[in-house]
Amino acid sequence: MSGSKADPISDILDSISEQLAVVTGQGTSRSDALKNKTCAWCEADCSEEGSFRDAKSRKEYAISALCQKCQDNFFE
């Protein structure tokens, strides 16, 4: 997707997740989490078919790279 309109947004999301990882001492960048199928915050495995409650949660993972538990905590 290089050169697309989504690149700046992806860069911003990566920057935020990297800064949170530094501040909290855990986690990883969004792009690394997506590549490794893990959570950007808690680094839980997100590769299993049943990792997410529904299609909306799977779509959110593609945006935020947060596992179901972290999504639930964030949107609580």
C-alpha atoms as a PDB file:
ATOM      1  CA  MET A   1       0.000   0.000   0.000  1.00  0.00           C
ATOM      2  CA  SER A   2       3.024   2.226  -0.308  1.00  0.00           C
ATOM      3  CA  GLY A   3       2.155   5.713  -1.497  1.00  0.00           C
ATOM      4  CA  SER A   4      -1.534   5.394  -0.689  1.00  0.00           C
ATOM      5  CA  LYS A   5      -3.640   7.792   1.356  1.00  0.00           C
ATOM      6  CA  ALA A   6      -3.588   5.217   4.177  1.00  0.00           C
ATOM      7  CA  ASP A   7       0.200   5.480   4.625  1.00  0.00           C
ATOM      8  CA  PRO A   8       0.115   8.652   6.780  1.00  0.00           C
ATOM      9  CA  ILE A   9      -2.620   7.182   8.978  1.00  0.00           C
ATOM     10  CA  SER A  10      -0.692   3.930   9.350  1.00  0.00           C
ATOM     11  CA  ASP A  11       2.420   5.922  10.278  1.00  0.00           C
ATOM     12  CA  ILE A  12       0.492   7.840  12.952  1.00  0.00           C
ATOM     13  CA  LEU A  13      -0.973   4.633  14.419  1.00  0.00           C
ATOM     14  CA  ASP A  14       2.499   3.037  14.466  1.00  0.00           C
ATOM     15  CA  SER A  15       3.953   6.078  16.196  1.00  0.00           C
ATOM     16  CA  ILE A  16       1.248   6.052  18.869  1.00  0.00           C
ATOM     17  CA  SER A  17       1.653   2.331  19.563  1.00  0.00           C
ATOM     18  CA  GLU A  18       5.456   2.648  19.717  1.00  0.00           C
ATOM     19  CA  GLN A  19       5.205   5.562  22.174  1.00  0.00           C
ATOM     20  CA  LEU A  20       2.751   3.611  24.353  1.00  0.00           C
ATOM     21  CA  ALA A  21       5.138   0.647  24.350  1.00  0.00           C
ATOM     22  CA  VAL A  22       7.966   2.877  25.563  1.00  0.00           C
ATOM     23  CA  VAL A  23       5.844   4.553  28.252  1.00  0.00           C
ATOM     24  CA  THR A  24       4.334   1.319  29.582  1.00  0.00           C
ATOM     25  CA  GLY A  25       7.397  -0.850  29.067  1.00  0.00           C
ATOM     26  CA  GLN A  26       5.402  -3.427  27.126  1.00  0.00           C
ATOM     27  CA  GLY A  27       3.904  -3.912  23.690  1.00  0.00           C
ATOM     28  CA  THR A  28       5.131  -3.264  20.195  1.00  0.00           C
ATOM     29  CA  SER A  29       4.382  -1.204  17.125  1.00  0.00           C
ATOM     30  CA  ARG A  30       1.066  -1.726  15.375  1.00  0.00           C
ATOM     31  CA  SER A  31       2.710  -2.843  12.131  1.00  0.00           C
ATOM     32  CA  ASP A  32       4.902  -5.403  13.937  1.00  0.00           C
ATOM     33  CA  ALA A  33       1.883  -6.698  15.865  1.00  0.00           C
ATOM     34  CA  LEU A  34      -0.145  -7.101  12.668  1.00  0.00           C
ATOM     35  CA  LYS A  35       2.751  -8.828  10.921  1.00  0.00           C
ATOM     36  CA  ASN A  36       3.263 -11.217  13.854  1.00  0.00           C
ATOM     37  CA  LYS A  37      -0.478 -11.621  14.576  1.00  0.00           C
ATOM     38  CA  THR A  38      -0.072 -10.421  18.154  1.00  0.00           C
ATOM     39  CA  CYS A  39      -1.558  -7.635  20.261  1.00  0.00           C
ATOM     40  CA  ALA A  40       0.254  -4.298  20.112  1.00  0.00           C
ATOM     41  CA  TRP A  41      -0.360  -3.739  23.842  1.00  0.00           C
ATOM     42  CA  CYS A  42      -0.112  -7.077  25.654  1.00  0.00           C
ATOM     43  CA  GLU A  43       1.529  -9.105  22.858  1.00  0.00           C
ATOM     44  CA  ALA A  44      -1.096 -11.877  23.132  1.00  0.00           C
ATOM     45  CA  ASP A  45      -1.401 -14.296  20.220  1.00  0.00           C
ATOM     46  CA  CYS A  46      -4.143 -13.149  17.813  1.00  0.00           C
ATOM     47  CA  SER A  47      -3.600 -15.804  15.150  1.00  0.00           C
ATOM     48  CA  GLU A  48      -6.283 -18.247  16.324  1.00  0.00           C
ATOM     49  CA  GLU A  49      -9.596 -18.336  14.455  1.00  0.00           C
ATOM     50  CA  GLY A  50     -11.517 -17.756  17.711  1.00  0.00           C
ATOM     51  CA  SER A  51      -9.341 -14.876  18.915  1.00  0.00           C
ATOM     52  CA  PHE A  52     -12.123 -12.346  18.338  1.00  0.00           C
ATOM     53  CA  ARG A  53     -15.763 -12.229  19.356  1.00  0.00           C
ATOM     54  CA  ASP A  54     -17.142 -11.099  15.995  1.00  0.00           C
ATOM     55  CA  ALA A  55     -16.377  -9.506  12.628  1.00  0.00           C
ATOM     56  CA  LYS A  56     -16.442  -6.018  14.157  1.00  0.00           C
ATOM     57  CA  SER A  57     -13.693  -7.009  16.626  1.00  0.00           C
ATOM     58  CA  ARG A  58     -11.602  -8.568  13.831  1.00  0.00           C
ATOM     59  CA  LYS A  59     -11.976  -5.353  11.837  1.00  0.00           C
ATOM     60  CA  GLU A  60     -10.886  -3.322  14.885  1.00  0.00           C
ATOM     61  CA  TYR A  61      -7.799  -5.528  15.193  1.00  0.00           C
ATOM     62  CA  ALA A  62      -6.859  -4.597  11.609  1.00  0.00           C
ATOM     63  CA  ILE A  63      -7.040  -0.929  12.656  1.00  0.00           C
ATOM     64  CA  SER A  64      -5.570  -0.942  16.168  1.00  0.00           C
ATOM     65  CA  ALA A  65      -3.788  -4.317  16.454  1.00  0.00           C
ATOM     66  CA  LEU A  66      -5.451  -4.828  19.852  1.00  0.00           C
ATOM     67  CA  CYS A  67      -6.557  -8.288  20.994  1.00  0.00           C
ATOM     68  CA  GLN A  68     -10.139  -8.870  22.167  1.00  0.00           C
ATOM     69  CA  LYS A  69      -9.239  -8.374  25.849  1.00  0.00           C
ATOM     70  CA  CYS A  70      -7.406  -5.083  25.186  1.00  0.00           C
ATOM     71  CA  GLN A  71     -10.244  -3.886  22.946  1.00  0.00           C
ATOM     72  CA  ASP A  72     -12.717  -4.666  25.706  1.00  0.00           C
ATOM     73  CA  ASN A  73     -10.604  -2.776  28.262  1.00  0.00           C
ATOM     74  CA  PHE A  74     -10.048   0.186  25.949  1.00  0.00           C
ATOM     75  CA  PHE A  75     -13.680   0.585  24.885  1.00  0.00           C
ATOM     76  CA  GLU A  76     -15.099  -0.152  28.350  1.00  0.00           C
END
